[in-house]
Amino acid sequence: MIDLHTHTTASDGTFSPAKLVHLAKDEGLQAVAITDHDTIAGNAEALTIGREIGIEVVPGVEISADSPFGSIHIVGLLIDTEDEKMESILTELREYRYKRNVKMIDLLVGMGIPITMEELVVISGGDLVGRPHFAALLVSKGVVSSYQEAFNKYLKAGGKAYLDKKRLPVNEAILMIKNSGGIPILAHPYVLRIKDEENIEANIEYLVELGIEGIEVFYSEHSRGDEALFADLARRHSLLVSGGTDFHGDVKPGVSLGRGHGNLNIPYYLLESIKEMVA
């Protein structure tokens, strides 16, 4: 069993890279991929721990990208974690995110909610502050009673303190991953189906033309019908099949590493097929 989509404190997860890898070992996984948002910072620690305790760690990243059919996420697996060009692009995205966060803090303070960047950094446990950290801080201050209320009222699109983040054009995100020696995979495609069900196959074909090489068939929020649909699309468009839980730790308490909502059992041979593409 494997998990090819997870997040650590390097982005918006609540487990450090080391703790996540230890958990993967404890859960009996054969391999786990570190795919933090717009950063590769957590990979070095995870790879070191993986070698020490005997579990395969797959270096990765998750990129937010703009497409003609809206925002999508691209997971890059088996990337070069020392790729300077990739790090330069990701640094620019993180700098924009920081400026957005400052503006969101100003909005919340303007509503009479005392919140500081220093508090957010403490909660994040890493270098990257995201909306889940805002949610955690709002809960801890008693402003809201749950993460969901924080997002519904303040942090999701249309919320009182919501501001969008900068994204790469999808063609640039795919090319960046491929130039780093990695495999670009469409993450959680059920979101795309919800947004644009009538045109989902045309959208997949568009991404294939841009160089997408895989699709996340197995995912925590996918129904059996979703899995069947995306497996068929993968077969007909010669795409690699991937899968992961999108584990974030305490931010998503119902999602377990390797198992999602108890609905996942992702086989190792999928990773073998992905590795054959970069051999």
Protein backbone atom coordinates (compact mmCIF):
# COMPACT_ATOMS: atom_id res chain seq x y z
CA MET A 1 0.00 0.00 0.00
CA ILE A 2 1.24 3.50 -0.88
CA ASP A 3 0.17 7.15 -0.62
CA LEU A 4 1.29 9.52 -3.39
CA HIS A 5 -0.35 12.76 -2.19
CA THR A 6 0.46 14.12 1.29
CA HIS A 7 1.25 17.43 2.97
CA THR A 8 3.57 18.38 5.83
CA THR A 9 4.36 21.46 7.89
CA ALA A 10 6.46 22.64 4.94
CA SER A 11 3.12 23.81 3.52
CA ASP A 12 -0.27 23.44 5.21
CA GLY A 13 -0.09 20.05 6.90
CA THR A 14 0.26 19.60 10.65
CA PHE A 15 2.86 16.79 10.70
CA SER A 16 6.54 17.51 10.16
CA PRO A 17 8.14 15.61 7.24
CA ALA A 18 9.89 13.31 9.72
CA LYS A 19 6.70 12.62 11.68
CA LEU A 20 4.74 11.91 8.51
CA VAL A 21 7.33 9.42 7.27
CA HIS A 22 7.38 7.67 10.65
CA LEU A 23 3.58 7.48 10.54
CA ALA A 24 3.72 6.00 7.05
CA LYS A 25 6.09 3.33 8.35
CA ASP A 26 3.84 2.64 11.35
CA GLU A 27 0.81 2.33 9.06
CA GLY A 28 2.58 -0.31 6.99
CA LEU A 29 2.97 1.73 3.81
CA GLN A 30 5.66 0.72 1.32
CA ALA A 31 6.04 4.24 -0.07
CA VAL A 32 4.85 7.78 0.58
CA ALA A 33 5.18 10.92 -1.56
CA ILE A 34 5.71 14.38 -0.07
CA THR A 35 3.69 16.78 -2.23
CA ASP A 36 3.54 20.08 -0.39
CA HIS A 37 1.90 23.12 -1.99
CA ASP A 38 4.31 25.21 -4.05
CA THR A 39 7.37 24.09 -2.08
CA ILE A 40 9.88 21.25 -2.12
CA ALA A 41 11.33 22.19 1.27
CA GLY A 42 10.00 19.14 3.14
CA ASN A 43 11.51 16.56 0.82
CA ALA A 44 15.10 16.57 2.11
CA GLU A 45 14.11 15.75 5.69
CA ALA A 46 11.59 13.14 4.55
CA LEU A 47 14.09 11.41 2.25
CA THR A 48 16.69 11.26 5.03
CA ILE A 49 14.24 9.75 7.53
CA GLY A 50 12.95 7.34 4.91
CA ARG A 51 16.43 5.96 4.34
CA GLU A 52 17.03 5.68 8.09
CA ILE A 53 13.86 3.73 8.91
CA GLY A 54 13.47 1.79 5.67
CA ILE A 55 10.51 3.25 3.81
CA GLU A 56 10.52 4.61 0.27
CA VAL A 57 9.94 8.37 0.06
CA VAL A 58 8.94 9.78 -3.32
CA PRO A 59 10.02 13.42 -3.79
CA GLY A 60 7.18 15.58 -5.02
CA VAL A 61 5.29 18.86 -5.10
CA GLU A 62 1.73 20.09 -5.72
CA ILE A 63 1.29 23.12 -7.96
CA SER A 64 -1.81 25.31 -8.19
CA ALA A 65 -2.35 26.17 -11.85
CA ASP A 66 -4.70 28.25 -13.98
CA SER A 67 -6.39 26.59 -16.94
CA PRO A 68 -9.12 27.63 -19.40
CA PHE A 69 -11.54 25.63 -17.22
CA GLY A 70 -10.52 27.10 -13.87
CA SER A 71 -7.98 26.44 -11.15
CA ILE A 72 -6.56 22.91 -11.07
CA HIS A 73 -3.80 21.20 -9.11
CA ILE A 74 -0.89 19.32 -10.64
CA VAL A 75 1.11 16.87 -8.54
CA GLY A 76 4.71 16.35 -9.63
CA LEU A 77 6.28 13.03 -8.60
CA LEU A 78 9.95 11.99 -8.71
CA ILE A 79 11.12 15.56 -9.17
CA ASP A 80 14.68 16.75 -8.71
CA THR A 81 14.62 18.36 -5.26
CA GLU A 82 17.76 20.36 -6.10
CA ASP A 83 16.36 21.89 -9.29
CA GLU A 84 17.30 25.57 -8.98
CA LYS A 85 14.93 26.75 -11.72
CA MET A 86 11.97 25.09 -10.02
CA GLU A 87 12.96 26.52 -6.65
CA SER A 88 13.19 30.02 -8.16
CA ILE A 89 9.65 29.78 -9.57
CA LEU A 90 8.27 28.35 -6.33
CA THR A 91 9.97 31.06 -4.30
CA GLU A 92 8.17 33.70 -6.37
CA LEU A 93 4.83 31.98 -5.73
CA ARG A 94 5.53 31.83 -1.98
CA GLU A 95 6.47 35.52 -1.88
CA TYR A 96 3.14 36.39 -3.50
CA ARG A 97 1.35 34.15 -0.98
CA TYR A 98 3.08 36.01 1.87
CA LYS A 99 1.83 39.36 0.54
CA ARG A 100 -1.67 37.91 0.23
CA ASN A 101 -1.53 36.68 3.81
CA VAL A 102 -0.56 40.15 5.07
CA LYS A 103 -3.60 41.60 3.30
CA MET A 104 -5.86 38.90 4.78
CA ILE A 105 -4.53 39.72 8.25
CA ASP A 106 -5.36 43.39 7.63
CA LEU A 107 -8.90 42.43 6.61
CA LEU A 108 -9.45 40.36 9.75
CA VAL A 109 -7.96 43.02 12.03
CA GLY A 110 -10.25 45.53 10.36
CA MET A 111 -13.18 43.33 11.45
CA GLY A 112 -12.00 43.51 15.06
CA ILE A 113 -10.31 40.10 15.05
CA PRO A 114 -6.81 40.33 16.62
CA ILE A 115 -4.47 38.18 14.53
CA THR A 116 -0.76 38.47 13.70
CA MET A 117 1.67 36.90 11.27
CA GLU A 118 3.79 35.75 14.19
CA GLU A 119 0.89 33.71 15.55
CA LEU A 120 0.29 32.15 12.15
CA VAL A 121 3.95 31.18 11.76
CA VAL A 122 3.88 29.44 15.14
CA ILE A 123 0.79 27.47 14.14
CA SER A 124 2.17 26.58 10.72
CA GLY A 125 5.31 25.03 12.18
CA GLY A 126 7.08 25.83 8.92
CA ASP A 127 7.85 28.51 6.39
CA LEU A 128 4.58 28.47 4.46
CA VAL A 129 1.38 29.95 5.94
CA GLY A 130 -1.89 29.01 4.28
CA ARG A 131 -5.61 29.32 4.89
CA PRO A 132 -5.75 26.19 7.12
CA HIS A 133 -3.41 27.99 9.53
CA PHE A 134 -5.72 31.01 9.53
CA ALA A 135 -8.58 28.62 10.30
CA ALA A 136 -6.68 26.97 13.17
CA LEU A 137 -5.86 30.35 14.69
CA LEU A 138 -9.45 31.56 14.43
CA VAL A 139 -10.61 28.38 16.19
CA SER A 140 -7.98 28.74 18.94
CA LYS A 141 -9.07 32.33 19.56
CA GLY A 142 -12.72 31.33 19.81
CA VAL A 143 -13.71 33.44 16.81
CA VAL A 144 -15.28 30.33 15.25
CA SER A 145 -16.01 26.88 16.59
CA SER A 146 -14.57 24.79 13.74
CA TYR A 147 -12.31 24.79 10.71
CA GLN A 148 -15.39 24.50 8.51
CA GLU A 149 -16.98 27.58 10.04
CA ALA A 150 -13.73 29.51 9.58
CA PHE A 151 -13.68 28.68 5.89
CA ASN A 152 -17.38 29.23 5.33
CA LYS A 153 -17.41 32.61 7.05
CA TYR A 154 -13.96 34.05 6.31
CA LEU A 155 -11.60 31.97 4.19
CA LYS A 156 -13.27 30.31 1.23
CA ALA A 157 -13.98 32.10 -2.05
CA GLY A 158 -16.58 34.73 -1.21
CA GLY A 159 -15.62 34.74 2.47
CA LYS A 160 -15.08 38.00 4.33
CA ALA A 161 -11.28 37.68 4.37
CA TYR A 162 -10.71 35.65 1.21
CA LEU A 163 -8.07 36.72 -1.27
CA ASP A 164 -6.90 34.56 -4.16
CA LYS A 165 -3.31 33.41 -4.58
CA LYS A 166 -1.06 33.58 -7.62
CA ARG A 167 -1.01 30.51 -9.87
CA LEU A 168 1.12 29.35 -12.74
CA PRO A 169 -0.48 28.83 -16.15
CA VAL A 170 -1.08 25.10 -16.40
CA ASN A 171 1.28 24.67 -19.35
CA GLU A 172 4.10 26.26 -17.32
CA ALA A 173 3.34 24.08 -14.28
CA ILE A 174 3.48 20.90 -16.38
CA LEU A 175 6.67 21.99 -18.15
CA MET A 176 8.37 22.92 -14.87
CA ILE A 177 7.71 19.46 -13.45
CA LYS A 178 8.87 17.69 -16.60
CA ASN A 179 12.01 19.84 -16.86
CA SER A 180 12.81 18.71 -13.31
CA GLY A 181 12.66 15.10 -14.42
CA GLY A 182 9.29 14.54 -12.75
CA ILE A 183 5.93 13.13 -13.79
CA PRO A 184 3.02 15.64 -13.88
CA ILE A 185 -0.27 14.18 -12.62
CA LEU A 186 -3.72 15.75 -12.49
CA ALA A 187 -4.71 15.84 -8.81
CA HIS A 188 -8.21 15.10 -7.45
CA PRO A 189 -9.97 15.28 -10.84
CA TYR A 190 -13.40 14.95 -9.20
CA VAL A 191 -13.14 18.71 -8.63
CA LEU A 192 -12.84 19.19 -12.38
CA ARG A 193 -15.85 16.93 -12.95
CA ILE A 194 -17.94 18.96 -10.52
CA LYS A 195 -16.94 22.22 -12.21
CA ASP A 196 -17.32 21.12 -15.81
CA GLU A 197 -18.83 17.64 -16.12
CA GLU A 198 -20.05 18.10 -19.71
CA ASN A 199 -16.55 18.87 -20.96
CA ILE A 200 -14.40 16.73 -18.69
CA GLU A 201 -13.05 14.52 -21.47
CA ALA A 202 -12.23 17.53 -23.66
CA ASN A 203 -10.47 19.09 -20.68
CA ILE A 204 -8.44 15.92 -20.10
CA GLU A 205 -7.52 15.86 -23.79
CA TYR A 206 -6.37 19.48 -23.52
CA LEU A 207 -4.10 18.59 -20.59
CA VAL A 208 -2.74 15.56 -22.44
CA GLU A 209 -1.76 17.84 -25.33
CA LEU A 210 0.12 20.04 -22.83
CA GLY A 211 2.03 17.05 -21.52
CA ILE A 212 0.12 15.74 -18.50
CA GLU A 213 1.22 12.14 -17.94
CA GLY A 214 -0.99 10.82 -15.18
CA ILE A 215 -4.29 11.18 -13.34
CA GLU A 216 -5.18 10.63 -9.68
CA VAL A 217 -7.76 7.86 -10.04
CA PHE A 218 -7.70 6.94 -6.35
CA TYR A 219 -8.43 9.81 -3.96
CA SER A 220 -10.11 10.22 -0.58
CA GLU A 221 -13.16 12.05 -1.96
CA HIS A 222 -13.65 9.86 -5.04
CA SER A 223 -16.65 7.59 -5.21
CA ARG A 224 -16.42 4.19 -6.89
CA GLY A 225 -18.11 5.82 -9.87
CA ASP A 226 -15.43 8.51 -9.97
CA GLU A 227 -12.71 5.87 -9.85
CA ALA A 228 -14.28 3.98 -12.74
CA LEU A 229 -14.65 7.16 -14.81
CA PHE A 230 -11.08 8.33 -14.27
CA ALA A 231 -9.62 4.85 -14.75
CA ASP A 232 -11.40 4.67 -18.10
CA LEU A 233 -10.12 8.12 -19.09
CA ALA A 234 -6.60 7.06 -18.08
CA ARG A 235 -6.84 3.93 -20.21
CA ARG A 236 -8.22 5.69 -23.27
CA HIS A 237 -5.69 8.52 -23.13
CA SER A 238 -2.67 6.41 -22.13
CA LEU A 239 -2.25 8.14 -18.79
CA LEU A 240 -0.51 6.74 -15.74
CA VAL A 241 -2.79 5.93 -12.80
CA SER A 242 -1.91 7.47 -9.43
CA GLY A 243 -3.57 7.81 -6.08
CA GLY A 244 -3.27 9.50 -2.72
CA THR A 245 -5.18 10.65 0.31
CA ASP A 246 -4.28 14.37 0.34
CA PHE A 247 -3.35 13.81 3.97
CA HIS A 248 -2.92 17.05 5.97
CA GLY A 249 -2.95 15.71 9.53
CA ASP A 250 -5.18 17.51 12.03
CA VAL A 251 -6.45 19.94 9.38
CA LYS A 252 -8.36 17.05 7.80
CA PRO A 253 -9.09 14.79 10.78
CA GLY A 254 -11.27 12.41 8.77
CA VAL A 255 -8.51 11.57 6.28
CA SER A 256 -6.05 8.86 7.36
CA LEU A 257 -2.63 8.41 5.79
CA GLY A 258 -2.77 5.67 3.18
CA ARG A 259 -6.48 4.97 3.73
CA GLY A 260 -8.33 8.27 3.22
CA HIS A 261 -11.80 7.84 4.66
CA GLY A 262 -11.14 4.11 4.89
CA ASN A 263 -11.90 3.76 1.20
CA LEU A 264 -8.35 3.51 -0.19
CA ASN A 265 -5.84 0.71 -0.64
CA ILE A 266 -3.48 2.00 -3.33
CA PRO A 267 -1.18 -0.74 -4.68
CA TYR A 268 2.58 -0.37 -5.04
CA TYR A 269 2.58 -1.45 -8.69
CA LEU A 270 1.15 1.96 -9.64
CA LEU A 271 4.35 3.58 -8.37
CA GLU A 272 6.40 1.03 -10.27
CA SER A 273 4.65 2.09 -13.49
CA ILE A 274 5.35 5.74 -12.73
CA LYS A 275 9.02 5.04 -12.03
CA GLU A 276 9.35 3.22 -15.35
CA MET A 277 8.53 6.53 -17.08
CA VAL A 278 11.65 8.20 -15.66
CA ALA A 279 13.98 5.21 -15.87
